[in-house]
Amino acid sequence: MRRVLRTGMAAAVLLGLAACSDPYSPGQRALGGGLLGAGGGAAVAGLTGGNAATGALLGGAIGAVGGAVTTPQRPYYGGYGPPRGYYRGW
């Protein structure tokens, strides 16, 4: 029982840390998606009686590709400058 609890706590910590990434960096999104996918794949394979290593490998690969492909563009906050004469008082 202690081993299961210890493994569950380690998985929860790793999954929590996997969510800490820059949402606009394709590399970090691929890494985060891979970690989350590996954890999810291992958990599903373990619960269904399959091989957890194979589930982690497939889930990590799918998560990494999904994280890299779905990277959004950074928002543009530049806009236009103030109107002419704005700083001169006229």
PDB file of N, CA and C in Angstrom:
ATOM      1  N   MET A   1       0.825  -1.193   0.000  1.00  0.00           N
ATOM      2  CA  MET A   1       0.000   0.000   0.000  1.00  0.00           C
ATOM      3  C   MET A   1       0.867   1.254   0.000  1.00  0.00           C
ATOM      4  N   ARG A   2       1.958   1.221   0.742  1.00  0.00           N
ATOM      5  CA  ARG A   2       2.832   2.395   0.788  1.00  0.00           C
ATOM      6  C   ARG A   2       3.472   2.669  -0.566  1.00  0.00           C
ATOM      7  N   ARG A   3       3.787   1.595  -1.263  1.00  0.00           N
ATOM      8  CA  ARG A   3       4.419   1.767  -2.574  1.00  0.00           C
ATOM      9  C   ARG A   3       3.453   2.442  -3.553  1.00  0.00           C
ATOM     10  N   VAL A   4       2.207   2.036  -3.523  1.00  0.00           N
ATOM     11  CA  VAL A   4       1.205   2.636  -4.401  1.00  0.00           C
ATOM     12  C   VAL A   4       1.002   4.105  -4.044  1.00  0.00           C
ATOM     13  N   LEU A   5       0.937   4.399  -2.759  1.00  0.00           N
ATOM     14  CA  LEU A   5       0.763   5.778  -2.316  1.00  0.00           C
ATOM     15  C   LEU A   5       1.965   6.628  -2.704  1.00  0.00           C
ATOM     16  N   ARG A   6       3.157   6.092  -2.526  1.00  0.00           N
ATOM     17  CA  ARG A   6       4.378   6.819  -2.875  1.00  0.00           C
ATOM     18  C   ARG A   6       4.452   7.077  -4.383  1.00  0.00           C
ATOM     19  N   THR A   7       4.098   6.074  -5.170  1.00  0.00           N
ATOM     20  CA  THR A   7       4.101   6.232  -6.625  1.00  0.00           C
ATOM     21  C   THR A   7       3.056   7.251  -7.061  1.00  0.00           C
ATOM     22  N   GLY A   8       1.899   7.208  -6.441  1.00  0.00           N
ATOM     23  CA  GLY A   8       0.846   8.178  -6.766  1.00  0.00           C
ATOM     24  C   GLY A   8       1.244   9.600  -6.422  1.00  0.00           C
ATOM     25  N   MET A   9       1.898   9.781  -5.293  1.00  0.00           N
ATOM     26  CA  MET A   9       2.354  11.118  -4.901  1.00  0.00           C
ATOM     27  C   MET A   9       3.435  11.621  -5.848  1.00  0.00           C
ATOM     28  N   ALA A  10       4.353  10.746  -6.240  1.00  0.00           N
ATOM     29  CA  ALA A  10       5.400  11.148  -7.183  1.00  0.00           C
ATOM     30  C   ALA A  10       4.798  11.521  -8.531  1.00  0.00           C
ATOM     31  N   ALA A  11       3.810  10.767  -8.973  1.00  0.00           N
ATOM     32  CA  ALA A  11       3.148  11.082 -10.242  1.00  0.00           C
ATOM     33  C   ALA A  11       2.408  12.410 -10.156  1.00  0.00           C
ATOM     34  N   ALA A  12       1.768  12.679  -9.022  1.00  0.00           N
ATOM     35  CA  ALA A  12       1.054  13.945  -8.861  1.00  0.00           C
ATOM     36  C   ALA A  12       2.016  15.128  -8.888  1.00  0.00           C
ATOM     37  N   VAL A  13       3.166  14.991  -8.247  1.00  0.00           N
ATOM     38  CA  VAL A  13       4.162  16.068  -8.255  1.00  0.00           C
ATOM     39  C   VAL A  13       4.704  16.284  -9.664  1.00  0.00           C
ATOM     40  N   LEU A  14       5.020  15.203 -10.364  1.00  0.00           N
ATOM     41  CA  LEU A  14       5.549  15.336 -11.723  1.00  0.00           C
ATOM     42  C   LEU A  14       4.519  15.931 -12.676  1.00  0.00           C
ATOM     43  N   LEU A  15       3.276  15.519 -12.564  1.00  0.00           N
ATOM     44  CA  LEU A  15       2.240  16.091 -13.418  1.00  0.00           C
ATOM     45  C   LEU A  15       1.997  17.561 -13.089  1.00  0.00           C
ATOM     46  N   GLY A  16       2.093  17.915 -11.817  1.00  0.00           N
ATOM     47  CA  GLY A  16       1.952  19.320 -11.437  1.00  0.00           C
ATOM     48  C   GLY A  16       3.074  20.180 -11.983  1.00  0.00           C
ATOM     49  N   LEU A  17       4.291  19.656 -11.969  1.00  0.00           N
ATOM     50  CA  LEU A  17       5.419  20.408 -12.511  1.00  0.00           C
ATOM     51  C   LEU A  17       5.389  20.462 -14.033  1.00  0.00           C
ATOM     52  N   ALA A  18       4.788  19.483 -14.657  1.00  0.00           N
ATOM     53  CA  ALA A  18       4.716  19.473 -16.122  1.00  0.00           C
ATOM     54  C   ALA A  18       3.838  20.604 -16.638  1.00  0.00           C
ATOM     55  N   ALA A  19       2.942  21.100 -15.828  1.00  0.00           N
ATOM     56  CA  ALA A  19       2.052  22.173 -16.264  1.00  0.00           C
ATOM     57  C   ALA A  19       2.718  23.539 -16.205  1.00  0.00           C
ATOM     58  N   CYS A  20       3.899  23.658 -15.623  1.00  0.00           N
ATOM     59  CA  CYS A  20       4.591  24.940 -15.510  1.00  0.00           C
ATOM     60  C   CYS A  20       5.475  25.156 -16.728  1.00  0.00           C
ATOM     61  N   SER A  21       4.942  25.791 -17.746  1.00  0.00           N
ATOM     62  CA  SER A  21       5.729  26.058 -18.940  1.00  0.00           C
ATOM     63  C   SER A  21       5.213  27.316 -19.614  1.00  0.00           C
ATOM     64  N   ASP A  22       6.017  27.854 -20.532  1.00  0.00           N
ATOM     65  CA  ASP A  22       5.645  29.035 -21.297  1.00  0.00           C
ATOM     66  C   ASP A  22       4.655  28.616 -22.381  1.00  0.00           C
ATOM     67  N   PRO A  23       3.449  29.153 -22.392  1.00  0.00           N
ATOM     68  CA  PRO A  23       2.464  28.696 -23.370  1.00  0.00           C
ATOM     69  C   PRO A  23       2.765  29.108 -24.803  1.00  0.00           C
ATOM     70  N   TYR A  24       3.750  29.980 -25.025  1.00  0.00           N
ATOM     71  CA  TYR A  24       4.048  30.451 -26.376  1.00  0.00           C
ATOM     72  C   TYR A  24       5.341  29.872 -26.932  1.00  0.00           C
ATOM     73  N   SER A  25       6.004  28.983 -26.219  1.00  0.00           N
ATOM     74  CA  SER A  25       7.241  28.363 -26.686  1.00  0.00           C
ATOM     75  C   SER A  25       6.939  26.942 -27.167  1.00  0.00           C
ATOM     76  N   PRO A  26       7.179  26.651 -28.462  1.00  0.00           N
ATOM     77  CA  PRO A  26       6.876  25.304 -28.958  1.00  0.00           C
ATOM     78  C   PRO A  26       7.672  24.215 -28.247  1.00  0.00           C
ATOM     79  N   GLY A  27       8.926  24.494 -27.889  1.00  0.00           N
ATOM     80  CA  GLY A  27       9.738  23.496 -27.203  1.00  0.00           C
ATOM     81  C   GLY A  27       9.210  23.178 -25.822  1.00  0.00           C
ATOM     82  N   GLN A  28       8.841  24.209 -25.082  1.00  0.00           N
ATOM     83  CA  GLN A  28       8.317  23.973 -23.743  1.00  0.00           C
ATOM     84  C   GLN A  28       6.934  23.334 -23.794  1.00  0.00           C
ATOM     85  N   ARG A  29       6.147  23.688 -24.793  1.00  0.00           N
ATOM     86  CA  ARG A  29       4.835  23.040 -24.921  1.00  0.00           C
ATOM     87  C   ARG A  29       4.987  21.574 -25.288  1.00  0.00           C
ATOM     88  N   ALA A  30       5.984  21.260 -26.121  1.00  0.00           N
ATOM     89  CA  ALA A  30       6.230  19.860 -26.471  1.00  0.00           C
ATOM     90  C   ALA A  30       6.696  19.082 -25.244  1.00  0.00           C
ATOM     91  N   LEU A  31       7.569  19.686 -24.444  1.00  0.00           N
ATOM     92  CA  LEU A  31       8.050  19.024 -23.232  1.00  0.00           C
ATOM     93  C   LEU A  31       6.917  18.814 -22.236  1.00  0.00           C
ATOM     94  N   GLY A  32       6.138  19.859 -21.998  1.00  0.00           N
ATOM     95  CA  GLY A  32       5.018  19.732 -21.073  1.00  0.00           C
ATOM     96  C   GLY A  32       3.977  18.738 -21.553  1.00  0.00           C
ATOM     97  N   GLY A  33       3.664  18.781 -22.847  1.00  0.00           N
ATOM     98  CA  GLY A  33       2.707  17.827 -23.404  1.00  0.00           C
ATOM     99  C   GLY A  33       3.221  16.407 -23.341  1.00  0.00           C
ATOM    100  N   GLY A  34       4.526  16.242 -23.562  1.00  0.00           N
ATOM    101  CA  GLY A  34       5.118  14.908 -23.479  1.00  0.00           C
ATOM    102  C   GLY A  34       5.062  14.344 -22.074  1.00  0.00           C
ATOM    103  N   LEU A  35       5.357  15.184 -21.087  1.00  0.00           N
ATOM    104  CA  LEU A  35       5.296  14.718 -19.696  1.00  0.00           C
ATOM    105  C   LEU A  35       3.870  14.377 -19.275  1.00  0.00           C
ATOM    106  N   LEU A  36       2.944  15.246 -19.633  1.00  0.00           N
ATOM    107  CA  LEU A  36       1.552  14.959 -19.288  1.00  0.00           C
ATOM    108  C   LEU A  36       1.042  13.724 -20.027  1.00  0.00           C
ATOM    109  N   GLY A  37       1.408  13.587 -21.291  1.00  0.00           N
ATOM    110  CA  GLY A  37       0.989  12.416 -22.061  1.00  0.00           C
ATOM    111  C   GLY A  37       1.593  11.130 -21.533  1.00  0.00           C
ATOM    112  N   ALA A  38       2.861  11.190 -21.126  1.00  0.00           N
ATOM    113  CA  ALA A  38       3.513   9.998 -20.576  1.00  0.00           C
ATOM    114  C   ALA A  38       2.857   9.571 -19.268  1.00  0.00           C
ATOM    115  N   GLY A  39       2.570  10.540 -18.428  1.00  0.00           N
ATOM    116  CA  GLY A  39       1.896  10.211 -17.172  1.00  0.00           C
ATOM    117  C   GLY A  39       0.509   9.642 -17.398  1.00  0.00           C
ATOM    118  N   GLY A  40      -0.234  10.262 -18.291  1.00  0.00           N
ATOM    119  CA  GLY A  40      -1.578   9.775 -18.598  1.00  0.00           C
ATOM    120  C   GLY A  40      -1.555   8.410 -19.263  1.00  0.00           C
ATOM    121  N   GLY A  41      -0.626   8.206 -20.188  1.00  0.00           N
ATOM    122  CA  GLY A  41      -0.522   6.913 -20.869  1.00  0.00           C
ATOM    123  C   GLY A  41      -0.137   5.796 -19.924  1.00  0.00           C
ATOM    124  N   ALA A  42       0.791   6.077 -19.013  1.00  0.00           N
ATOM    125  CA  ALA A  42       1.191   5.060 -18.040  1.00  0.00           C
ATOM    126  C   ALA A  42       0.047   4.741 -17.081  1.00  0.00           C
ATOM    127  N   ALA A  43      -0.694   5.771 -16.686  1.00  0.00           N
ATOM    128  CA  ALA A  43      -1.807   5.544 -15.763  1.00  0.00           C
ATOM    129  C   ALA A  43      -2.907   4.713 -16.416  1.00  0.00           C
ATOM    130  N   VAL A  44      -3.246   5.051 -17.648  1.00  0.00           N
ATOM    131  CA  VAL A  44      -4.300   4.299 -18.338  1.00  0.00           C
ATOM    132  C   VAL A  44      -3.859   2.862 -18.593  1.00  0.00           C
ATOM    133  N   ALA A  45      -2.609   2.681 -19.017  1.00  0.00           N
ATOM    134  CA  ALA A  45      -2.118   1.325 -19.265  1.00  0.00           C
ATOM    135  C   ALA A  45      -2.066   0.515 -17.974  1.00  0.00           C
ATOM    136  N   GLY A  46      -1.670   1.154 -16.882  1.00  0.00           N
ATOM    137  CA  GLY A  46      -1.632   0.449 -15.606  1.00  0.00           C
ATOM    138  C   GLY A  46      -3.015   0.064 -15.112  1.00  0.00           C
ATOM    139  N   LEU A  47      -3.990   0.933 -15.318  1.00  0.00           N
ATOM    140  CA  LEU A  47      -5.350   0.641 -14.864  1.00  0.00           C
ATOM    141  C   LEU A  47      -6.034  -0.427 -15.711  1.00  0.00           C
ATOM    142  N   THR A  48      -5.688  -0.495 -16.984  1.00  0.00           N
ATOM    143  CA  THR A  48      -6.343  -1.463 -17.866  1.00  0.00           C
ATOM    144  C   THR A  48      -5.587  -2.774 -17.971  1.00  0.00           C
ATOM    145  N   GLY A  49      -4.486  -2.911 -17.259  1.00  0.00           N
ATOM    146  CA  GLY A  49      -3.737  -4.158 -17.267  1.00  0.00           C
ATOM    147  C   GLY A  49      -2.711  -4.252 -18.376  1.00  0.00           C
ATOM    148  N   GLY A  50      -2.432  -3.166 -19.062  1.00  0.00           N
ATOM    149  CA  GLY A  50      -1.434  -3.171 -20.131  1.00  0.00           C
ATOM    150  C   GLY A  50      -0.052  -2.860 -19.591  1.00  0.00           C
ATOM    151  N   ASN A  51       0.896  -2.711 -20.485  1.00  0.00           N
ATOM    152  CA  ASN A  51       2.264  -2.391 -20.108  1.00  0.00           C
ATOM    153  C   ASN A  51       2.377  -0.883 -19.891  1.00  0.00           C
ATOM    154  N   ALA A  52       2.745  -0.468 -18.681  1.00  0.00           N
ATOM    155  CA  ALA A  52       2.816   0.955 -18.358  1.00  0.00           C
ATOM    156  C   ALA A  52       3.912   1.665 -19.141  1.00  0.00           C
ATOM    157  N   ALA A  53       5.017   0.979 -19.424  1.00  0.00           N
ATOM    158  CA  ALA A  53       6.106   1.609 -20.176  1.00  0.00           C
ATOM    159  C   ALA A  53       5.674   1.912 -21.609  1.00  0.00           C
ATOM    160  N   THR A  54       4.960   0.999 -22.221  1.00  0.00           N
ATOM    161  CA  THR A  54       4.462   1.238 -23.577  1.00  0.00           C
ATOM    162  C   THR A  54       3.438   2.367 -23.583  1.00  0.00           C
ATOM    163  N   GLY A  55       2.574   2.398 -22.596  1.00  0.00           N
ATOM    164  CA  GLY A  55       1.595   3.479 -22.484  1.00  0.00           C
ATOM    165  C   GLY A  55       2.261   4.824 -22.288  1.00  0.00           C
ATOM    166  N   ALA A  56       3.322   4.848 -21.466  1.00  0.00           N
ATOM    167  CA  ALA A  56       4.047   6.099 -21.251  1.00  0.00           C
ATOM    168  C   ALA A  56       4.750   6.552 -22.518  1.00  0.00           C
ATOM    169  N   LEU A  57       5.323   5.614 -23.252  1.00  0.00           N
ATOM    170  CA  LEU A  57       6.024   5.959 -24.490  1.00  0.00           C
ATOM    171  C   LEU A  57       5.059   6.516 -25.533  1.00  0.00           C
ATOM    172  N   LEU A  58       3.957   5.829 -25.744  1.00  0.00           N
ATOM    173  CA  LEU A  58       2.982   6.300 -26.732  1.00  0.00           C
ATOM    174  C   LEU A  58       2.316   7.604 -26.292  1.00  0.00           C
ATOM    175  N   GLY A  59       1.942   7.690 -25.033  1.00  0.00           N
ATOM    176  CA  GLY A  59       1.319   8.912 -24.531  1.00  0.00           C
ATOM    177  C   GLY A  59       2.261  10.099 -24.575  1.00  0.00           C
ATOM    178  N   GLY A  60       3.536   9.865 -24.258  1.00  0.00           N
ATOM    179  CA  GLY A  60       4.518  10.943 -24.326  1.00  0.00           C
ATOM    180  C   GLY A  60       4.746  11.429 -25.739  1.00  0.00           C
ATOM    181  N   ALA A  61       4.801  10.504 -26.687  1.00  0.00           N
ATOM    182  CA  ALA A  61       5.002  10.898 -28.088  1.00  0.00           C
ATOM    183  C   ALA A  61       3.809  11.688 -28.604  1.00  0.00           C
ATOM    184  N   ILE A  62       2.619  11.212 -28.318  1.00  0.00           N
ATOM    185  CA  ILE A  62       1.420  11.918 -28.776  1.00  0.00           C
ATOM    186  C   ILE A  62       1.301  13.276 -28.088  1.00  0.00           C
ATOM    187  N   GLY A  63       1.610  13.333 -26.797  1.00  0.00           N
ATOM    188  CA  GLY A  63       1.541  14.600 -26.070  1.00  0.00           C
ATOM    189  C   GLY A  63       2.568  15.606 -26.552  1.00  0.00           C
ATOM    190  N   ALA A  64       3.776  15.146 -26.884  1.00  0.00           N
ATOM    191  CA  ALA A  64       4.812  16.057 -27.370  1.00  0.00           C
ATOM    192  C   ALA A  64       4.436  16.640 -28.725  1.00  0.00           C
ATOM    193  N   VAL A  65       3.945  15.798 -29.611  1.00  0.00           N
ATOM    194  CA  VAL A  65       3.526  16.295 -30.931  1.00  0.00           C
ATOM    195  C   VAL A  65       2.342  17.247 -30.783  1.00  0.00           C
ATOM    196  N   GLY A  66       1.389  16.867 -29.970  1.00  0.00           N
ATOM    197  CA  GLY A  66       0.226  17.734 -29.760  1.00  0.00           C
ATOM    198  C   GLY A  66       0.591  19.063 -29.129  1.00  0.00           C
ATOM    199  N   GLY A  67       1.528  19.057 -28.188  1.00  0.00           N
ATOM    200  CA  GLY A  67       1.949  20.307 -27.562  1.00  0.00           C
ATOM    201  C   GLY A  67       2.682  21.222 -28.520  1.00  0.00           C
ATOM    202  N   ALA A  68       3.525  20.661 -29.371  1.00  0.00           N
ATOM    203  CA  ALA A  68       4.282  21.483 -30.315  1.00  0.00           C
ATOM    204  C   ALA A  68       3.391  22.020 -31.426  1.00  0.00           C
ATOM    205  N   VAL A  69       2.443  21.220 -31.875  1.00  0.00           N
ATOM    206  CA  VAL A  69       1.595  21.631 -33.001  1.00  0.00           C
ATOM    207  C   VAL A  69       0.586  22.697 -32.588  1.00  0.00           C
ATOM    208  N   THR A  70       0.117  22.660 -31.361  1.00  0.00           N
ATOM    209  CA  THR A  70      -0.938  23.581 -30.930  1.00  0.00           C
ATOM    210  C   THR A  70      -0.409  24.831 -30.249  1.00  0.00           C
ATOM    211  N   THR A  71       0.836  25.211 -30.510  1.00  0.00           N
ATOM    212  CA  THR A  71       1.397  26.410 -29.896  1.00  0.00           C
ATOM    213  C   THR A  71       0.742  27.655 -30.487  1.00  0.00           C
ATOM    214  N   PRO A  72       0.121  28.501 -29.652  1.00  0.00           N
ATOM    215  CA  PRO A  72      -0.511  29.710 -30.189  1.00  0.00           C
ATOM    216  C   PRO A  72       0.523  30.798 -30.463  1.00  0.00           C
ATOM    217  N   GLN A  73       0.140  31.781 -31.283  1.00  0.00           N
ATOM    218  CA  GLN A  73       1.014  32.918 -31.534  1.00  0.00           C
ATOM    219  C   GLN A  73       0.941  33.872 -30.355  1.00  0.00           C
ATOM    220  N   ARG A  74       2.046  34.588 -30.140  1.00  0.00           N
ATOM    221  CA  ARG A  74       2.056  35.580 -29.068  1.00  0.00           C
ATOM    222  C   ARG A  74       1.117  36.731 -29.419  1.00  0.00           C
ATOM    223  N   PRO A  75       0.417  37.285 -28.425  1.00  0.00           N
ATOM    224  CA  PRO A  75      -0.458  38.420 -28.720  1.00  0.00           C
ATOM    225  C   PRO A  75       0.362  39.661 -29.073  1.00  0.00           C
ATOM    226  N   TYR A  76      -0.180  40.510 -29.924  1.00  0.00           N
ATOM    227  CA  TYR A  76       0.495  41.737 -30.349  1.00  0.00           C
ATOM    228  C   TYR A  76      -0.061  42.898 -29.540  1.00  0.00           C
ATOM    229  N   TYR A  77       0.809  43.523 -28.749  1.00  0.00           N
ATOM    230  CA  TYR A  77       0.392  44.644 -27.922  1.00  0.00           C
ATOM    231  C   TYR A  77       0.975  45.964 -28.398  1.00  0.00           C
ATOM    232  N   GLY A  78       1.661  45.976 -29.554  1.00  0.00           N
ATOM    233  CA  GLY A  78       2.321  47.191 -30.028  1.00  0.00           C
ATOM    234  C   GLY A  78       1.347  48.295 -30.372  1.00  0.00           C
ATOM    235  N   GLY A  79       0.450  48.022 -31.275  1.00  0.00           N
ATOM    236  CA  GLY A  79      -0.530  49.019 -31.679  1.00  0.00           C
ATOM    237  C   GLY A  79       0.118  50.232 -32.324  1.00  0.00           C
ATOM    238  N   TYR A  80      -0.638  51.290 -32.426  1.00  0.00           N
ATOM    239  CA  TYR A  80      -0.144  52.542 -32.989  1.00  0.00           C
ATOM    240  C   TYR A  80       0.214  53.488 -31.859  1.00  0.00           C
ATOM    241  N   GLY A  81       1.055  54.455 -32.155  1.00  0.00           N
ATOM    242  CA  GLY A  81       1.443  55.443 -31.158  1.00  0.00           C
ATOM    243  C   GLY A  81       0.329  56.449 -30.921  1.00  0.00           C
ATOM    244  N   PRO A  82       0.571  57.414 -30.049  1.00  0.00           N
ATOM    245  CA  PRO A  82      -0.449  58.433 -29.783  1.00  0.00           C
ATOM    246  C   PRO A  82      -0.643  59.334 -31.007  1.00  0.00           C
ATOM    247  N   PRO A  83      -1.755  60.046 -31.103  1.00  0.00           N
ATOM    248  CA  PRO A  83      -1.981  60.923 -32.244  1.00  0.00           C
ATOM    249  C   PRO A  83      -0.984  62.078 -32.289  1.00  0.00           C
ATOM    250  N   ARG A  84      -0.873  62.727 -33.467  1.00  0.00           N
ATOM    251  CA  ARG A  84       0.058  63.852 -33.621  1.00  0.00           C
ATOM    252  C   ARG A  84      -0.280  64.954 -32.641  1.00  0.00           C
ATOM    253  N   GLY A  85       0.744  65.525 -32.052  1.00  0.00           N
ATOM    254  CA  GLY A  85       0.558  66.629 -31.133  1.00  0.00           C
ATOM    255  C   GLY A  85       0.092  66.225 -29.753  1.00  0.00           C
ATOM    256  N   TYR A  86       0.057  64.971 -29.460  1.00  0.00           N
ATOM    257  CA  TYR A  86      -0.473  64.496 -28.184  1.00  0.00           C
ATOM    258  C   TYR A  86       0.376  64.977 -27.016  1.00  0.00           C
ATOM    259  N   TYR A  87       1.689  64.970 -27.173  1.00  0.00           N
ATOM    260  CA  TYR A  87       2.569  65.342 -26.070  1.00  0.00           C
ATOM    261  C   TYR A  87       2.873  66.832 -26.040  1.00  0.00           C
ATOM    262  N   ARG A  88       2.431  67.610 -27.027  1.00  0.00           N
ATOM    263  CA  ARG A  88       2.746  69.038 -27.061  1.00  0.00           C
ATOM    264  C   ARG A  88       1.576  69.890 -26.601  1.00  0.00           C
ATOM    265  N   GLY A  89       0.475  69.299 -26.300  1.00  0.00           N
ATOM    266  CA  GLY A  89      -0.647  70.053 -25.773  1.00  0.00           C
ATOM    267  C   GLY A  89      -1.545  70.663 -26.833  1.00  0.00           C
ATOM    268  N   TRP A  90      -1.350  70.396 -28.098  1.00  0.00           N
ATOM    269  CA  TRP A  90      -2.234  70.937 -29.136  1.00  0.00           C
ATOM    270  C   TRP A  90      -2.746  69.878 -30.022  1.00  0.00           C
TER     271      TRP A  90
END
